[in-house]
Structure formats: structure tokens, C-alpha cells
Amino acid sequence: MKVVIAGGTSGIGLATAAMLANDGASVIITGRNPQKLEQALAVLPSSAKGEIVDAGDAAKLGDFMRAAGQIDHLVLAVSGAKGGGLFRELDLAQLRAGLEEKFFPHLQTLQAAALPYLSGNGSVTFITAVSSRAKAPGTSGLGAVNGALELMVPVLARELQPLRVNAVSPGVIDTPW
């Protein structure tokens, strides 16, 4: 089983990579930051691989996926912190940046890079967040970003059959974020 984890250099992505690699999967993690990638690979089993890939760069994604070849599973754990705060003070430019650092990179990774390389019986897992449903003050922007992804999942699940498409929406997790 070959798995690509976009955003696998920290937090939930890294924990997922460790779990899968320890279970014998062939795991490739991606991230933008060379130092974080090096630190992540140092704690993963030696079978895990990693590449510097900016999920916001379609050309680099395409190059990476061509080199990686066919994969069985894609985990989209690309994250961002922009878009939080009470709506009265919410900088809409920061909300737009939040969409640019999470929403679009998830979709771009799936569409431009992964779809041609996912095996027919493979899966896609979006890592979103409970903010999409929490209705807590200060989370309207984060909820909008995560909610937009979650709204796409059931449609993508039907459109991309027989691929399995799901979202995991964890609550507050102790991560570097």
C-alpha cells in the first residue's frame, strides 16, 4: 500500500504517517518547509520518504506525482491558521489567505496531481476541523474554510467513484499549530 500525505511534516499529517509507516505502508510525506521535513523524517520509520512540495504550486505537484507514480491513498492534511478571530475584527484578507493556504491546496493536490495517479480502488481523506460545525465565537472564518471542504466531500465521493472520498474533522488536538 502506497500513501501520499500532503502536509505530513507535522501535526495530524505526521501522526498519520507514523501510524501507516509503522503498519508497513509505503509512505511519502510532503511539505513546504525543508527543516520541518527533515525533522519529520527523523522521527518516522526509515521506510518513509519525503519531498518538499508546495501544495499551492500545480506544476510542482504534477512533477512530484509523476515521480511518485501510482498511489493507493491520498491524505490531505495541508493546514493553515489564517481566518480565525471574532467576525467584527476579522481581516477578510486573512480569511482569503486562509482559503489560499488550505482550501485550494487540498483541491489542487487532488485534481491536478493525485487523480491521475490514484489506483481505482484507492481513497482520499481530507483533514478538516470541527470548526466547520462548532459554531464557536472566533471560528467563523476557520469554519468557512473547513466547511467549504466538507461540503465538497459528498459530491466528490459520487463524482470520483469508485474512489472513496471522506473527511475527518477532529476537534482541538495538541499539535504545533
Protein backbone atom coordinates (compact mmCIF):
# COMPACT_ATOMS: atom_id res chain seq x y z
CA MET A 1 0.00 0.00 0.00
CA LYS A 2 1.43 3.36 -1.10
CA VAL A 3 0.18 6.51 0.64
CA VAL A 4 0.93 10.18 -0.01
CA ILE A 5 0.28 12.55 2.88
CA ALA A 6 0.22 16.17 1.72
CA GLY A 7 1.06 18.25 4.77
CA GLY A 8 2.67 15.30 6.51
CA THR A 9 5.52 17.15 8.21
CA SER A 10 3.72 17.93 11.46
CA GLY A 11 0.57 17.52 13.50
CA ILE A 12 -2.13 15.13 12.32
CA GLY A 13 -0.39 14.52 8.99
CA LEU A 14 2.81 13.41 10.72
CA ALA A 15 0.94 11.24 13.23
CA THR A 16 -0.93 9.59 10.35
CA ALA A 17 2.34 8.99 8.50
CA ALA A 18 3.87 7.36 11.58
CA MET A 19 0.87 5.10 12.12
CA LEU A 20 0.75 3.97 8.49
CA ALA A 21 4.52 3.52 8.15
CA ASN A 22 4.65 1.50 11.38
CA ASP A 23 1.90 -0.72 9.92
CA GLY A 24 4.04 -1.41 6.84
CA ALA A 25 2.66 1.09 4.33
CA SER A 26 4.95 2.82 1.87
CA VAL A 27 4.53 6.46 2.96
CA ILE A 28 5.59 9.66 1.25
CA ILE A 29 5.05 12.91 3.13
CA THR A 30 5.14 16.36 1.59
CA GLY A 31 5.52 19.85 2.97
CA ARG A 32 6.88 23.28 2.08
CA ASN A 33 9.47 23.66 4.81
CA PRO A 34 12.77 21.75 4.37
CA GLN A 35 13.61 21.92 8.10
CA LYS A 36 10.20 20.53 9.13
CA LEU A 37 10.52 17.79 6.50
CA GLU A 38 13.93 16.79 7.84
CA GLN A 39 12.63 16.76 11.43
CA ALA A 40 9.59 14.69 10.43
CA LEU A 41 11.67 12.11 8.57
CA ALA A 42 13.93 11.80 11.62
CA VAL A 43 11.01 10.53 13.74
CA LEU A 44 9.42 8.31 11.10
CA PRO A 45 10.50 4.77 10.25
CA SER A 46 13.34 4.73 7.72
CA SER A 47 10.96 3.34 5.08
CA ALA A 48 9.09 6.68 4.96
CA LYS A 49 10.11 9.14 2.29
CA GLY A 50 9.56 12.86 1.97
CA GLU A 51 9.58 15.61 -0.62
CA ILE A 52 9.48 19.38 -0.50
CA VAL A 53 6.26 20.22 -2.34
CA ASP A 54 4.18 23.38 -2.07
CA ALA A 55 0.57 22.23 -2.46
CA GLY A 56 -0.21 25.67 -3.84
CA ASP A 57 2.02 25.08 -6.88
CA ALA A 58 0.25 22.95 -9.50
CA ALA A 59 3.37 22.46 -11.64
CA LYS A 60 5.44 21.20 -8.69
CA LEU A 61 2.56 18.95 -7.61
CA GLY A 62 2.41 17.44 -11.06
CA ASP A 63 6.17 16.85 -11.12
CA PHE A 64 6.04 15.23 -7.69
CA MET A 65 3.15 12.92 -8.55
CA ARG A 66 4.70 11.84 -11.85
CA ALA A 67 7.84 10.87 -9.94
CA ALA A 68 5.85 9.14 -7.17
CA GLY A 69 3.78 7.15 -9.67
CA GLN A 70 0.63 5.25 -8.81
CA ILE A 71 -0.60 5.59 -5.23
CA ASP A 72 -3.32 3.83 -3.29
CA HIS A 73 -4.33 6.52 -0.82
CA LEU A 74 -4.07 10.28 -0.51
CA VAL A 75 -4.36 12.11 2.80
CA LEU A 76 -4.83 15.87 2.54
CA ALA A 77 -3.52 17.36 5.78
CA VAL A 78 -2.33 20.71 4.43
CA SER A 79 -3.26 23.25 7.06
CA GLY A 80 -3.25 26.89 7.88
CA ALA A 81 -4.09 29.18 10.75
CA LYS A 82 -5.39 32.20 8.90
CA GLY A 83 -9.02 33.22 9.20
CA GLY A 84 -9.53 32.95 12.95
CA GLY A 85 -10.88 35.63 15.22
CA LEU A 86 -14.11 37.36 16.08
CA PHE A 87 -16.01 38.43 12.99
CA ARG A 88 -16.08 42.11 13.99
CA GLU A 89 -12.31 42.22 13.82
CA LEU A 90 -11.84 39.52 11.16
CA ASP A 91 -9.49 40.75 8.46
CA LEU A 92 -11.14 39.44 5.29
CA ALA A 93 -7.76 39.47 3.56
CA GLN A 94 -6.62 36.97 6.20
CA LEU A 95 -9.70 34.84 5.55
CA ARG A 96 -8.89 34.91 1.84
CA ALA A 97 -5.32 33.88 2.73
CA GLY A 98 -6.78 31.04 4.83
CA LEU A 99 -8.62 29.77 1.76
CA GLU A 100 -5.41 30.07 -0.24
CA GLU A 101 -3.38 28.08 2.28
CA LYS A 102 -5.85 25.24 2.97
CA PHE A 103 -8.96 25.07 0.76
CA PHE A 104 -7.33 25.50 -2.64
CA PRO A 105 -4.19 23.43 -1.90
CA HIS A 106 -6.39 20.48 -0.86
CA LEU A 107 -8.35 20.64 -4.10
CA GLN A 108 -5.33 21.37 -6.25
CA THR A 109 -3.47 18.38 -4.85
CA LEU A 110 -6.42 16.13 -5.57
CA GLN A 111 -7.28 17.49 -9.00
CA ALA A 112 -4.04 18.46 -10.66
CA ALA A 113 -1.73 15.93 -9.16
CA ALA A 114 -3.31 12.95 -7.48
CA LEU A 115 -6.33 11.98 -9.57
CA PRO A 116 -4.30 10.64 -12.49
CA TYR A 117 -2.19 8.53 -10.10
CA LEU A 118 -4.73 7.16 -7.61
CA SER A 119 -5.49 3.47 -8.03
CA GLY A 120 -9.09 2.69 -8.94
CA ASN A 121 -9.83 1.21 -5.53
CA GLY A 122 -8.00 3.94 -3.64
CA SER A 123 -9.12 6.61 -1.23
CA VAL A 124 -8.86 10.30 -0.48
CA THR A 125 -9.11 11.64 3.07
CA PHE A 126 -9.49 15.35 3.72
CA ILE A 127 -8.41 16.51 7.18
CA THR A 128 -10.72 19.40 8.04
CA ALA A 129 -11.68 20.58 11.53
CA VAL A 130 -14.57 20.68 13.94
CA SER A 131 -14.67 24.45 13.41
CA SER A 132 -16.86 23.69 10.40
CA ARG A 133 -19.67 22.78 12.81
CA ALA A 134 -18.63 24.13 16.21
CA LYS A 135 -20.37 27.50 15.90
CA ALA A 136 -17.97 28.89 18.50
CA PRO A 137 -17.22 32.61 18.63
CA GLY A 138 -13.98 33.40 16.83
CA THR A 139 -14.22 30.47 14.41
CA SER A 140 -16.45 31.79 11.62
CA GLY A 141 -13.54 32.19 9.19
CA LEU A 142 -11.90 28.88 10.06
CA GLY A 143 -15.33 27.24 9.93
CA ALA A 144 -15.93 28.65 6.46
CA VAL A 145 -12.65 27.21 5.14
CA ASN A 146 -13.20 23.77 6.66
CA GLY A 147 -16.92 23.78 5.93
CA ALA A 148 -16.29 24.52 2.27
CA LEU A 149 -14.10 21.42 2.03
CA GLU A 150 -16.62 19.30 3.90
CA LEU A 151 -19.45 20.40 1.61
CA MET A 152 -17.47 19.16 -1.38
CA VAL A 153 -16.73 15.71 0.05
CA PRO A 154 -20.12 14.02 -0.60
CA VAL A 155 -20.23 15.40 -4.12
CA LEU A 156 -16.65 14.30 -4.81
CA ALA A 157 -17.46 10.86 -3.36
CA ARG A 158 -20.14 10.44 -6.03
CA GLU A 159 -18.21 12.04 -8.88
CA LEU A 160 -14.98 10.14 -8.27
CA GLN A 161 -16.40 6.67 -7.71
CA PRO A 162 -15.04 4.05 -7.25
CA LEU A 163 -12.54 6.13 -5.23
CA ARG A 164 -13.58 6.53 -1.62
CA VAL A 165 -13.63 10.19 -0.56
CA ASN A 166 -14.06 11.14 3.10
CA ALA A 167 -13.31 13.92 5.56
CA VAL A 168 -12.05 13.60 9.10
CA SER A 169 -12.93 16.61 11.23
CA PRO A 170 -11.06 16.43 14.52
CA GLY A 171 -11.66 18.68 17.48
CA VAL A 172 -8.92 20.51 19.33
CA ILE A 173 -5.71 18.48 19.08
CA ASP A 174 -2.38 19.28 20.73
CA THR A 175 -0.24 19.99 17.66
CA PRO A 176 2.39 22.63 16.86
CA TRP A 177 -0.37 24.62 15.13
